[in-house]
Amino acid sequence: MKKYLNFLTKTKAKGFTLIEMLVVLVIISVLLLLFVPNLTKQKEKVTQTGNAAVVKVVESQAELYNLNHEDKATLAKLVKSGDISSKQSKAYSEYYAQNPKETATVAN
């Protein structure tokens, strides 16, 4: 038993020093600073692309509504009739708010 205790006290545990740990943390921090802004830009692009797809859906639903009804389609009428959801209506409005050069074909 004494030999085992002597062996444990004589052996040194190999591990990382504080400096090595700090260097690794600094490297990880720099990589995160470079990576995180790109993620937010990508999220905005995905949202814009999704809203563009919703615009096509809303406009096609408006055309169908105009064919089936006597009056002109609006976002409120499309939501009330169940042709589009309120979330789609909001995305449609947001798309044209972000792109003022384009004109909406379906009124609010």
PDB file of N, CA and C in Angstrom:
ATOM      1  N   MET A   1       0.824  -1.189   0.000  1.00  0.00           N
ATOM      2  CA  MET A   1       0.000   0.000   0.000  1.00  0.00           C
ATOM      3  C   MET A   1       0.866   1.248   0.000  1.00  0.00           C
ATOM      4  N   LYS A   2       2.007   1.169   0.762  1.00  0.00           N
ATOM      5  CA  LYS A   2       2.903   2.303   0.819  1.00  0.00           C
ATOM      6  C   LYS A   2       3.519   2.573  -0.550  1.00  0.00           C
ATOM      7  N   LYS A   3       3.829   1.502  -1.261  1.00  0.00           N
ATOM      8  CA  LYS A   3       4.409   1.659  -2.582  1.00  0.00           C
ATOM      9  C   LYS A   3       3.424   2.365  -3.518  1.00  0.00           C
ATOM     10  N   TYR A   4       2.163   2.031  -3.392  1.00  0.00           N
ATOM     11  CA  TYR A   4       1.139   2.630  -4.250  1.00  0.00           C
ATOM     12  C   TYR A   4       0.993   4.121  -3.952  1.00  0.00           C
ATOM     13  N   LEU A   5       1.001   4.503  -2.666  1.00  0.00           N
ATOM     14  CA  LEU A   5       0.913   5.913  -2.298  1.00  0.00           C
ATOM     15  C   LEU A   5       2.138   6.684  -2.778  1.00  0.00           C
ATOM     16  N   ASN A   6       3.330   6.087  -2.644  1.00  0.00           N
ATOM     17  CA  ASN A   6       4.545   6.736  -3.139  1.00  0.00           C
ATOM     18  C   ASN A   6       4.479   6.930  -4.655  1.00  0.00           C
ATOM     19  N   PHE A   7       3.954   5.929  -5.326  1.00  0.00           N
ATOM     20  CA  PHE A   7       3.827   6.017  -6.775  1.00  0.00           C
ATOM     21  C   PHE A   7       2.884   7.163  -7.166  1.00  0.00           C
ATOM     22  N   LEU A   8       1.772   7.298  -6.437  1.00  0.00           N
ATOM     23  CA  LEU A   8       0.812   8.358  -6.742  1.00  0.00           C
ATOM     24  C   LEU A   8       1.385   9.744  -6.461  1.00  0.00           C
ATOM     25  N   THR A   9       2.151   9.889  -5.416  1.00  0.00           N
ATOM     26  CA  THR A   9       2.710  11.197  -5.086  1.00  0.00           C
ATOM     27  C   THR A   9       3.856  11.571  -6.012  1.00  0.00           C
ATOM     28  N   LYS A  10       4.581  10.587  -6.539  1.00  0.00           N
ATOM     29  CA  LYS A  10       5.704  10.880  -7.416  1.00  0.00           C
ATOM     30  C   LYS A  10       5.264  11.184  -8.846  1.00  0.00           C
ATOM     31  N   THR A  11       4.179  10.591  -9.272  1.00  0.00           N
ATOM     32  CA  THR A  11       3.742  10.834 -10.648  1.00  0.00           C
ATOM     33  C   THR A  11       3.070  12.198 -10.741  1.00  0.00           C
ATOM     34  N   LYS A  12       3.369  12.869 -11.812  1.00  0.00           N
ATOM     35  CA  LYS A  12       2.748  14.169 -12.046  1.00  0.00           C
ATOM     36  C   LYS A  12       1.633  13.995 -13.068  1.00  0.00           C
ATOM     37  N   ALA A  13       0.535  14.593 -12.771  1.00  0.00           N
ATOM     38  CA  ALA A  13      -0.584  14.531 -13.706  1.00  0.00           C
ATOM     39  C   ALA A  13      -0.340  15.512 -14.841  1.00  0.00           C
ATOM     40  N   LYS A  14      -0.472  15.023 -16.054  1.00  0.00           N
ATOM     41  CA  LYS A  14      -0.295  15.891 -17.205  1.00  0.00           C
ATOM     42  C   LYS A  14      -1.624  16.566 -17.496  1.00  0.00           C
ATOM     43  N   GLY A  15      -1.564  17.864 -17.733  1.00  0.00           N
ATOM     44  CA  GLY A  15      -2.779  18.613 -18.031  1.00  0.00           C
ATOM     45  C   GLY A  15      -2.432  19.914 -18.715  1.00  0.00           C
ATOM     46  N   PHE A  16      -3.449  20.692 -18.965  1.00  0.00           N
ATOM     47  CA  PHE A  16      -3.260  21.975 -19.612  1.00  0.00           C
ATOM     48  C   PHE A  16      -2.878  23.033 -18.589  1.00  0.00           C
ATOM     49  N   THR A  17      -2.027  23.951 -18.997  1.00  0.00           N
ATOM     50  CA  THR A  17      -1.689  25.072 -18.126  1.00  0.00           C
ATOM     51  C   THR A  17      -2.724  26.164 -18.330  1.00  0.00           C
ATOM     52  N   LEU A  18      -2.710  27.123 -17.460  1.00  0.00           N
ATOM     53  CA  LEU A  18      -3.667  28.228 -17.547  1.00  0.00           C
ATOM     54  C   LEU A  18      -3.458  29.026 -18.840  1.00  0.00           C
ATOM     55  N   ILE A  19      -2.231  29.216 -19.222  1.00  0.00           N
ATOM     56  CA  ILE A  19      -1.928  29.962 -20.450  1.00  0.00           C
ATOM     57  C   ILE A  19      -2.503  29.235 -21.668  1.00  0.00           C
ATOM     58  N   GLU A  20      -2.326  27.930 -21.721  1.00  0.00           N
ATOM     59  CA  GLU A  20      -2.863  27.162 -22.844  1.00  0.00           C
ATOM     60  C   GLU A  20      -4.381  27.261 -22.907  1.00  0.00           C
ATOM     61  N   MET A  21      -5.012  27.195 -21.764  1.00  0.00           N
ATOM     62  CA  MET A  21      -6.471  27.307 -21.723  1.00  0.00           C
ATOM     63  C   MET A  21      -6.916  28.684 -22.195  1.00  0.00           C
ATOM     64  N   LEU A  22      -6.214  29.737 -21.775  1.00  0.00           N
ATOM     65  CA  LEU A  22      -6.571  31.093 -22.189  1.00  0.00           C
ATOM     66  C   LEU A  22      -6.381  31.299 -23.685  1.00  0.00           C
ATOM     67  N   VAL A  23      -5.317  30.732 -24.231  1.00  0.00           N
ATOM     68  CA  VAL A  23      -5.087  30.842 -25.673  1.00  0.00           C
ATOM     69  C   VAL A  23      -6.223  30.176 -26.450  1.00  0.00           C
ATOM     70  N   VAL A  24      -6.648  29.020 -26.006  1.00  0.00           N
ATOM     71  CA  VAL A  24      -7.750  28.315 -26.664  1.00  0.00           C
ATOM     72  C   VAL A  24      -9.030  29.134 -26.574  1.00  0.00           C
ATOM     73  N   LEU A  25      -9.298  29.714 -25.425  1.00  0.00           N
ATOM     74  CA  LEU A  25     -10.504  30.536 -25.262  1.00  0.00           C
ATOM     75  C   LEU A  25     -10.461  31.771 -26.145  1.00  0.00           C
ATOM     76  N   VAL A  26      -9.299  32.384 -26.283  1.00  0.00           N
ATOM     77  CA  VAL A  26      -9.172  33.554 -27.154  1.00  0.00           C
ATOM     78  C   VAL A  26      -9.428  33.168 -28.605  1.00  0.00           C
ATOM     79  N   ILE A  27      -8.888  32.052 -29.032  1.00  0.00           N
ATOM     80  CA  ILE A  27      -9.098  31.596 -30.411  1.00  0.00           C
ATOM     81  C   ILE A  27     -10.573  31.312 -30.664  1.00  0.00           C
ATOM     82  N   ILE A  28     -11.220  30.652 -29.736  1.00  0.00           N
ATOM     83  CA  ILE A  28     -12.653  30.364 -29.882  1.00  0.00           C
ATOM     84  C   ILE A  28     -13.459  31.662 -29.916  1.00  0.00           C
ATOM     85  N   SER A  29     -13.094  32.622 -29.084  1.00  0.00           N
ATOM     86  CA  SER A  29     -13.800  33.902 -29.064  1.00  0.00           C
ATOM     87  C   SER A  29     -13.667  34.638 -30.390  1.00  0.00           C
ATOM     88  N   VAL A  30     -12.483  34.644 -30.947  1.00  0.00           N
ATOM     89  CA  VAL A  30     -12.276  35.318 -32.235  1.00  0.00           C
ATOM     90  C   VAL A  30     -13.082  34.634 -33.332  1.00  0.00           C
ATOM     91  N   LEU A  31     -13.109  33.323 -33.328  1.00  0.00           N
ATOM     92  CA  LEU A  31     -13.899  32.603 -34.334  1.00  0.00           C
ATOM     93  C   LEU A  31     -15.386  32.903 -34.195  1.00  0.00           C
ATOM     94  N   LEU A  32     -15.876  32.991 -32.972  1.00  0.00           N
ATOM     95  CA  LEU A  32     -17.284  33.331 -32.762  1.00  0.00           C
ATOM     96  C   LEU A  32     -17.582  34.746 -33.224  1.00  0.00           C
ATOM     97  N   LEU A  33     -16.667  35.681 -32.990  1.00  0.00           N
ATOM     98  CA  LEU A  33     -16.871  37.055 -33.441  1.00  0.00           C
ATOM     99  C   LEU A  33     -16.940  37.139 -34.962  1.00  0.00           C
ATOM    100  N   LEU A  34     -16.242  36.265 -35.635  1.00  0.00           N
ATOM    101  CA  LEU A  34     -16.292  36.247 -37.086  1.00  0.00           C
ATOM    102  C   LEU A  34     -17.527  35.520 -37.616  1.00  0.00           C
ATOM    103  N   PHE A  35     -18.003  34.547 -36.884  1.00  0.00           N
ATOM    104  CA  PHE A  35     -19.051  33.660 -37.368  1.00  0.00           C
ATOM    105  C   PHE A  35     -20.459  34.175 -37.071  1.00  0.00           C
ATOM    106  N   VAL A  36     -20.686  34.753 -35.911  1.00  0.00           N
ATOM    107  CA  VAL A  36     -22.033  35.150 -35.476  1.00  0.00           C
ATOM    108  C   VAL A  36     -22.655  36.213 -36.384  1.00  0.00           C
ATOM    109  N   PRO A  37     -21.948  37.272 -36.791  1.00  0.00           N
ATOM    110  CA  PRO A  37     -22.588  38.236 -37.692  1.00  0.00           C
ATOM    111  C   PRO A  37     -23.046  37.616 -39.011  1.00  0.00           C
ATOM    112  N   ASN A  38     -22.311  36.649 -39.511  1.00  0.00           N
ATOM    113  CA  ASN A  38     -22.728  35.975 -40.739  1.00  0.00           C
ATOM    114  C   ASN A  38     -24.028  35.211 -40.543  1.00  0.00           C
ATOM    115  N   LEU A  39     -24.241  34.658 -39.365  1.00  0.00           N
ATOM    116  CA  LEU A  39     -25.489  33.946 -39.093  1.00  0.00           C
ATOM    117  C   LEU A  39     -26.680  34.883 -39.135  1.00  0.00           C
ATOM    118  N   THR A  40     -26.537  36.086 -38.575  1.00  0.00           N
ATOM    119  CA  THR A  40     -27.660  37.024 -38.578  1.00  0.00           C
ATOM    120  C   THR A  40     -27.968  37.489 -39.997  1.00  0.00           C
ATOM    121  N   LYS A  41     -26.939  37.669 -40.816  1.00  0.00           N
ATOM    122  CA  LYS A  41     -27.181  38.051 -42.215  1.00  0.00           C
ATOM    123  C   LYS A  41     -27.907  36.934 -42.954  1.00  0.00           C
ATOM    124  N   GLN A  42     -27.511  35.706 -42.694  1.00  0.00           N
ATOM    125  CA  GLN A  42     -28.158  34.573 -43.344  1.00  0.00           C
ATOM    126  C   GLN A  42     -29.620  34.457 -42.925  1.00  0.00           C
ATOM    127  N   LYS A  43     -29.895  34.745 -41.663  1.00  0.00           N
ATOM    128  CA  LYS A  43     -31.275  34.674 -41.174  1.00  0.00           C
ATOM    129  C   LYS A  43     -32.144  35.704 -41.885  1.00  0.00           C
ATOM    130  N   GLU A  44     -31.617  36.899 -42.098  1.00  0.00           N
ATOM    131  CA  GLU A  44     -32.360  37.934 -42.815  1.00  0.00           C
ATOM    132  C   GLU A  44     -32.622  37.522 -44.257  1.00  0.00           C
ATOM    133  N   LYS A  45     -31.632  36.913 -44.903  1.00  0.00           N
ATOM    134  CA  LYS A  45     -31.815  36.465 -46.279  1.00  0.00           C
ATOM    135  C   LYS A  45     -32.890  35.382 -46.364  1.00  0.00           C
ATOM    136  N   VAL A  46     -32.880  34.467 -45.414  1.00  0.00           N
ATOM    137  CA  VAL A  46     -33.868  33.390 -45.408  1.00  0.00           C
ATOM    138  C   VAL A  46     -35.268  33.964 -45.202  1.00  0.00           C
ATOM    139  N   THR A  47     -35.392  34.943 -44.315  1.00  0.00           N
ATOM    140  CA  THR A  47     -36.694  35.576 -44.069  1.00  0.00           C
ATOM    141  C   THR A  47     -37.189  36.289 -45.321  1.00  0.00           C
ATOM    142  N   GLN A  48     -36.306  37.003 -46.000  1.00  0.00           N
ATOM    143  CA  GLN A  48     -36.699  37.712 -47.220  1.00  0.00           C
ATOM    144  C   GLN A  48     -37.122  36.735 -48.315  1.00  0.00           C
ATOM    145  N   THR A  49     -36.401  35.636 -48.445  1.00  0.00           N
ATOM    146  CA  THR A  49     -36.748  34.635 -49.453  1.00  0.00           C
ATOM    147  C   THR A  49     -38.090  33.995 -49.125  1.00  0.00           C
ATOM    148  N   GLY A  50     -38.317  33.712 -47.857  1.00  0.00           N
ATOM    149  CA  GLY A  50     -39.600  33.143 -47.438  1.00  0.00           C
ATOM    150  C   GLY A  50     -40.750  34.100 -47.693  1.00  0.00           C
ATOM    151  N   ASN A  51     -40.533  35.387 -47.407  1.00  0.00           N
ATOM    152  CA  ASN A  51     -41.577  36.377 -47.652  1.00  0.00           C
ATOM    153  C   ASN A  51     -41.865  36.520 -49.142  1.00  0.00           C
ATOM    154  N   ALA A  52     -40.831  36.400 -49.980  1.00  0.00           N
ATOM    155  CA  ALA A  52     -41.034  36.458 -51.431  1.00  0.00           C
ATOM    156  C   ALA A  52     -41.897  35.284 -51.901  1.00  0.00           C
ATOM    157  N   ALA A  53     -41.698  34.132 -51.305  1.00  0.00           N
ATOM    158  CA  ALA A  53     -42.519  32.963 -51.649  1.00  0.00           C
ATOM    159  C   ALA A  53     -43.964  33.168 -51.200  1.00  0.00           C
ATOM    160  N   VAL A  54     -44.132  33.780 -50.028  1.00  0.00           N
ATOM    161  CA  VAL A  54     -45.481  34.044 -49.515  1.00  0.00           C
ATOM    162  C   VAL A  54     -46.204  35.033 -50.428  1.00  0.00           C
ATOM    163  N   VAL A  55     -45.471  36.004 -50.976  1.00  0.00           N
ATOM    164  CA  VAL A  55     -46.074  36.981 -51.885  1.00  0.00           C
ATOM    165  C   VAL A  55     -46.695  36.269 -53.082  1.00  0.00           C
ATOM    166  N   LYS A  56     -46.001  35.309 -53.628  1.00  0.00           N
ATOM    167  CA  LYS A  56     -46.535  34.565 -54.776  1.00  0.00           C
ATOM    168  C   LYS A  56     -47.791  33.792 -54.396  1.00  0.00           C
ATOM    169  N   VAL A  57     -47.785  33.210 -53.214  1.00  0.00           N
ATOM    170  CA  VAL A  57     -48.957  32.452 -52.758  1.00  0.00           C
ATOM    171  C   VAL A  57     -50.146  33.381 -52.576  1.00  0.00           C
ATOM    172  N   VAL A  58     -49.916  34.522 -51.927  1.00  0.00           N
ATOM    173  CA  VAL A  58     -51.011  35.460 -51.665  1.00  0.00           C
ATOM    174  C   VAL A  58     -51.575  35.997 -52.981  1.00  0.00           C
ATOM    175  N   GLU A  59     -50.700  36.319 -53.920  1.00  0.00           N
ATOM    176  CA  GLU A  59     -51.184  36.846 -55.192  1.00  0.00           C
ATOM    177  C   GLU A  59     -51.967  35.799 -55.987  1.00  0.00           C
ATOM    178  N   SER A  60     -51.539  34.548 -55.919  1.00  0.00           N
ATOM    179  CA  SER A  60     -52.302  33.506 -56.615  1.00  0.00           C
ATOM    180  C   SER A  60     -53.649  33.261 -55.932  1.00  0.00           C
ATOM    181  N   GLN A  61     -53.675  33.337 -54.608  1.00  0.00           N
ATOM    182  CA  GLN A  61     -54.941  33.191 -53.892  1.00  0.00           C
ATOM    183  C   GLN A  61     -55.871  34.364 -54.195  1.00  0.00           C
ATOM    184  N   ALA A  62     -55.296  35.555 -54.367  1.00  0.00           N
ATOM    185  CA  ALA A  62     -56.110  36.723 -54.712  1.00  0.00           C
ATOM    186  C   ALA A  62     -56.726  36.554 -56.098  1.00  0.00           C
ATOM    187  N   GLU A  63     -55.956  36.009 -57.039  1.00  0.00           N
ATOM    188  CA  GLU A  63     -56.501  35.760 -58.376  1.00  0.00           C
ATOM    189  C   GLU A  63     -57.648  34.758 -58.315  1.00  0.00           C
ATOM    190  N   LEU A  64     -57.481  33.703 -57.540  1.00  0.00           N
ATOM    191  CA  LEU A  64     -58.565  32.721 -57.389  1.00  0.00           C
ATOM    192  C   LEU A  64     -59.793  33.349 -56.738  1.00  0.00           C
ATOM    193  N   TYR A  65     -59.557  34.197 -55.744  1.00  0.00           N
ATOM    194  CA  TYR A  65     -60.672  34.880 -55.071  1.00  0.00           C
ATOM    195  C   TYR A  65     -61.422  35.769 -56.065  1.00  0.00           C
ATOM    196  N   ASN A  66     -60.671  36.492 -56.918  1.00  0.00           N
ATOM    197  CA  ASN A  66     -61.300  37.366 -57.903  1.00  0.00           C
ATOM    198  C   ASN A  66     -62.119  36.567 -58.912  1.00  0.00           C
ATOM    199  N   LEU A  67     -61.664  35.382 -59.250  1.00  0.00           N
ATOM    200  CA  LEU A  67     -62.421  34.544 -60.182  1.00  0.00           C
ATOM    201  C   LEU A  67     -63.707  34.000 -59.563  1.00  0.00           C
ATOM    202  N   ASN A  68     -63.667  33.711 -58.266  1.00  0.00           N
ATOM    203  CA  ASN A  68     -64.814  33.098 -57.599  1.00  0.00           C
ATOM    204  C   ASN A  68     -65.802  34.097 -57.016  1.00  0.00           C
ATOM    205  N   HIS A  69     -65.408  35.337 -56.850  1.00  0.00           N
ATOM    206  CA  HIS A  69     -66.271  36.331 -56.221  1.00  0.00           C
ATOM    207  C   HIS A  69     -66.414  37.559 -57.120  1.00  0.00           C
ATOM    208  N   GLU A  70     -67.444  38.322 -56.865  1.00  0.00           N
ATOM    209  CA  GLU A  70     -67.692  39.524 -57.655  1.00  0.00           C
ATOM    210  C   GLU A  70     -66.770  40.680 -57.262  1.00  0.00           C
ATOM    211  N   ASP A  71     -66.409  40.770 -55.992  1.00  0.00           N
ATOM    212  CA  ASP A  71     -65.619  41.914 -55.518  1.00  0.00           C
ATOM    213  C   ASP A  71     -64.122  41.632 -55.607  1.00  0.00           C
ATOM    214  N   LYS A  72     -63.339  42.711 -55.437  1.00  0.00           N
ATOM    215  CA  LYS A  72     -61.888  42.613 -55.542  1.00  0.00           C
ATOM    216  C   LYS A  72     -61.308  42.069 -54.234  1.00  0.00           C
ATOM    217  N   ALA A  73     -60.263  41.264 -54.335  1.00  0.00           N
ATOM    218  CA  ALA A  73     -59.648  40.637 -53.162  1.00  0.00           C
ATOM    219  C   ALA A  73     -58.790  41.636 -52.403  1.00  0.00           C
ATOM    220  N   THR A  74     -58.893  41.583 -51.072  1.00  0.00           N
ATOM    221  CA  THR A  74     -57.994  42.311 -50.178  1.00  0.00           C
ATOM    222  C   THR A  74     -57.431  41.303 -49.187  1.00  0.00           C
ATOM    223  N   LEU A  75     -56.398  41.724 -48.462  1.00  0.00           N
ATOM    224  CA  LEU A  75     -55.799  40.811 -47.480  1.00  0.00           C
ATOM    225  C   LEU A  75     -56.822  40.406 -46.422  1.00  0.00           C
ATOM    226  N   ALA A  76     -57.606  41.364 -45.972  1.00  0.00           N
ATOM    227  CA  ALA A  76     -58.607  41.072 -44.933  1.00  0.00           C
ATOM    228  C   ALA A  76     -59.640  40.062 -45.434  1.00  0.00           C
ATOM    229  N   LYS A  77     -60.072  40.223 -46.683  1.00  0.00           N
ATOM    230  CA  LYS A  77     -61.060  39.289 -47.243  1.00  0.00           C
ATOM    231  C   LYS A  77     -60.457  37.895 -47.425  1.00  0.00           C
ATOM    232  N   LEU A  78     -59.192  37.844 -47.840  1.00  0.00           N
ATOM    233  CA  LEU A  78     -58.547  36.540 -48.022  1.00  0.00           C
ATOM    234  C   LEU A  78     -58.369  35.812 -46.700  1.00  0.00           C
ATOM    235  N   VAL A  79     -58.038  36.559 -45.653  1.00  0.00           N
ATOM    236  CA  VAL A  79     -57.885  35.946 -44.331  1.00  0.00           C
ATOM    237  C   VAL A  79     -59.245  35.484 -43.820  1.00  0.00           C
ATOM    238  N   LYS A  80     -60.275  36.333 -44.001  1.00  0.00           N
ATOM    239  CA  LYS A  80     -61.620  36.003 -43.518  1.00  0.00           C
ATOM    240  C   LYS A  80     -62.184  34.771 -44.217  1.00  0.00           C
ATOM    241  N   SER A  81     -61.897  34.651 -45.527  1.00  0.00           N
ATOM    242  CA  SER A  81     -62.415  33.497 -46.271  1.00  0.00           C
ATOM    243  C   SER A  81     -61.588  32.232 -46.037  1.00  0.00           C
ATOM    244  N   GLY A  82     -60.424  32.383 -45.400  1.00  0.00           N
ATOM    245  CA  GLY A  82     -59.596  31.220 -45.101  1.00  0.00           C
ATOM    246  C   GLY A  82     -58.637  30.849 -46.216  1.00  0.00           C
ATOM    247  N   ASP A  83     -58.519  31.697 -47.221  1.00  0.00           N
ATOM    248  CA  ASP A  83     -57.606  31.411 -48.325  1.00  0.00           C
ATOM    249  C   ASP A  83     -56.144  31.543 -47.907  1.00  0.00           C
ATOM    250  N   ILE A  84     -55.868  32.506 -47.026  1.00  0.00           N
ATOM    251  CA  ILE A  84     -54.515  32.680 -46.483  1.00  0.00           C
ATOM    252  C   ILE A  84     -54.623  32.832 -44.968  1.00  0.00           C
ATOM    253  N   SER A  85     -53.512  32.640 -44.299  1.00  0.00           N
ATOM    254  CA  SER A  85     -53.508  32.818 -42.842  1.00  0.00           C
ATOM    255  C   SER A  85     -53.100  34.250 -42.504  1.00  0.00           C
ATOM    256  N   SER A  86     -53.329  34.630 -41.265  1.00  0.00           N
ATOM    257  CA  SER A  86     -52.936  35.973 -40.833  1.00  0.00           C
ATOM    258  C   SER A  86     -51.415  36.118 -40.844  1.00  0.00           C
ATOM    259  N   LYS A  87     -50.714  35.018 -40.631  1.00  0.00           N
ATOM    260  CA  LYS A  87     -49.252  35.042 -40.692  1.00  0.00           C
ATOM    261  C   LYS A  87     -48.780  35.337 -42.117  1.00  0.00           C
ATOM    262  N   GLN A  88     -49.446  34.752 -43.101  1.00  0.00           N
ATOM    263  CA  GLN A  88     -49.111  35.025 -44.491  1.00  0.00           C
ATOM    264  C   GLN A  88     -49.430  36.472 -44.852  1.00  0.00           C
ATOM    265  N   SER A  89     -50.524  36.977 -44.319  1.00  0.00           N
ATOM    266  CA  SER A  89     -50.894  38.370 -44.561  1.00  0.00           C
ATOM    267  C   SER A  89     -49.842  39.314 -43.999  1.00  0.00           C
ATOM    268  N   LYS A  90     -49.363  39.010 -42.810  1.00  0.00           N
ATOM    269  CA  LYS A  90     -48.327  39.829 -42.177  1.00  0.00           C
ATOM    270  C   LYS A  90     -47.029  39.761 -42.979  1.00  0.00           C
ATOM    271  N   ALA A  91     -46.639  38.576 -43.442  1.00  0.00           N
ATOM    272  CA  ALA A  91     -45.421  38.417 -44.233  1.00  0.00           C
ATOM    273  C   ALA A  91     -45.532  39.173 -45.557  1.00  0.00           C
ATOM    274  N   TYR A  92     -46.717  39.173 -46.151  1.00  0.00           N
ATOM    275  CA  TYR A  92     -46.952  39.910 -47.397  1.00  0.00           C
ATOM    276  C   TYR A  92     -46.757  41.404 -47.173  1.00  0.00           C
ATOM    277  N   SER A  93     -47.317  41.915 -46.103  1.00  0.00           N
ATOM    278  CA  SER A  93     -47.171  43.339 -45.779  1.00  0.00           C
ATOM    279  C   SER A  93     -45.723  43.695 -45.468  1.00  0.00           C
ATOM    280  N   GLU A  94     -45.032  42.825 -44.735  1.00  0.00           N
ATOM    281  CA  GLU A  94     -43.625  43.069 -44.401  1.00  0.00           C
ATOM    282  C   GLU A  94     -42.751  43.084 -45.655  1.00  0.00           C
ATOM    283  N   TYR A  95     -43.043  42.214 -46.592  1.00  0.00           N
ATOM    284  CA  TYR A  95     -42.248  42.160 -47.816  1.00  0.00           C
ATOM    285  C   TYR A  95     -42.315  43.488 -48.560  1.00  0.00           C
ATOM    286  N   TYR A  96     -43.517  44.027 -48.709  1.00  0.00           N
ATOM    287  CA  TYR A  96     -43.652  45.281 -49.441  1.00  0.00           C
ATOM    288  C   TYR A  96     -43.212  46.485 -48.609  1.00  0.00           C
ATOM    289  N   ALA A  97     -43.174  46.351 -47.296  1.00  0.00           N
ATOM    290  CA  ALA A  97     -42.619  47.416 -46.468  1.00  0.00           C
ATOM    291  C   ALA A  97     -41.099  47.469 -46.621  1.00  0.00           C
ATOM    292  N   GLN A  98     -40.465  46.310 -46.785  1.00  0.00           N
ATOM    293  CA  GLN A  98     -39.015  46.244 -46.959  1.00  0.00           C
ATOM    294  C   GLN A  98     -38.579  46.546 -48.390  1.00  0.00           C
ATOM    295  N   ASN A  99     -39.478  46.398 -49.339  1.00  0.00           N
ATOM    296  CA  ASN A  99     -39.178  46.640 -50.756  1.00  0.00           C
ATOM    297  C   ASN A  99     -40.119  47.715 -51.300  1.00  0.00           C
ATOM    298  N   PRO A 100     -39.859  48.979 -50.981  1.00  0.00           N
ATOM    299  CA  PRO A 100     -40.796  50.029 -51.389  1.00  0.00           C
ATOM    300  C   PRO A 100     -40.819  50.288 -52.895  1.00  0.00           C
ATOM    301  N   LYS A 101     -39.817  49.807 -53.634  1.00  0.00           N
ATOM    302  CA  LYS A 101     -39.784  50.016 -55.081  1.00  0.00           C
ATOM    303  C   LYS A 101     -40.860  49.185 -55.784  1.00  0.00           C
ATOM    304  N   GLU A 102     -41.225  48.068 -55.188  1.00  0.00           N
ATOM    305  CA  GLU A 102     -42.239  47.195 -55.772  1.00  0.00           C
ATOM    306  C   GLU A 102     -43.614  47.596 -55.246  1.00  0.00           C
ATOM    307  N   THR A 103     -44.609  47.348 -56.042  1.00  0.00           N
ATOM    308  CA  THR A 103     -45.978  47.700 -55.622  1.00  0.00           C
ATOM    309  C   THR A 103     -46.772  46.428 -55.364  1.00  0.00           C
ATOM    310  N   ALA A 104     -47.550  46.481 -54.316  1.00  0.00           N
ATOM    311  CA  ALA A 104     -48.380  45.342 -53.948  1.00  0.00           C
ATOM    312  C   ALA A 104     -49.590  45.282 -54.858  1.00  0.00           C
ATOM    313  N   THR A 105     -49.965  44.083 -55.265  1.00  0.00           N
ATOM    314  CA  THR A 105     -51.138  43.928 -56.130  1.00  0.00           C
ATOM    315  C   THR A 105     -52.404  43.697 -55.321  1.00  0.00           C
ATOM    316  N   VAL A 106     -52.252  43.248 -54.089  1.00  0.00           N
ATOM    317  CA  VAL A 106     -53.392  42.995 -53.213  1.00  0.00           C
ATOM    318  C   VAL A 106     -53.409  44.080 -52.138  1.00  0.00           C
ATOM    319  N   ALA A 107     -54.522  44.746 -52.008  1.00  0.00           N
ATOM    320  CA  ALA A 107     -54.656  45.824 -51.017  1.00  0.00           C
ATOM    321  C   ALA A 107     -54.847  45.241 -49.625  1.00  0.00           C
ATOM    322  N   ASN A 108     -54.612  46.078 -48.630  1.00  0.00           N
ATOM    323  CA  ASN A 108     -54.822  45.642 -47.246  1.00  0.00           C
ATOM    324  C   ASN A 108     -56.296  45.556 -46.978  1.00  0.00           C
TER     325      ASN A 108
END
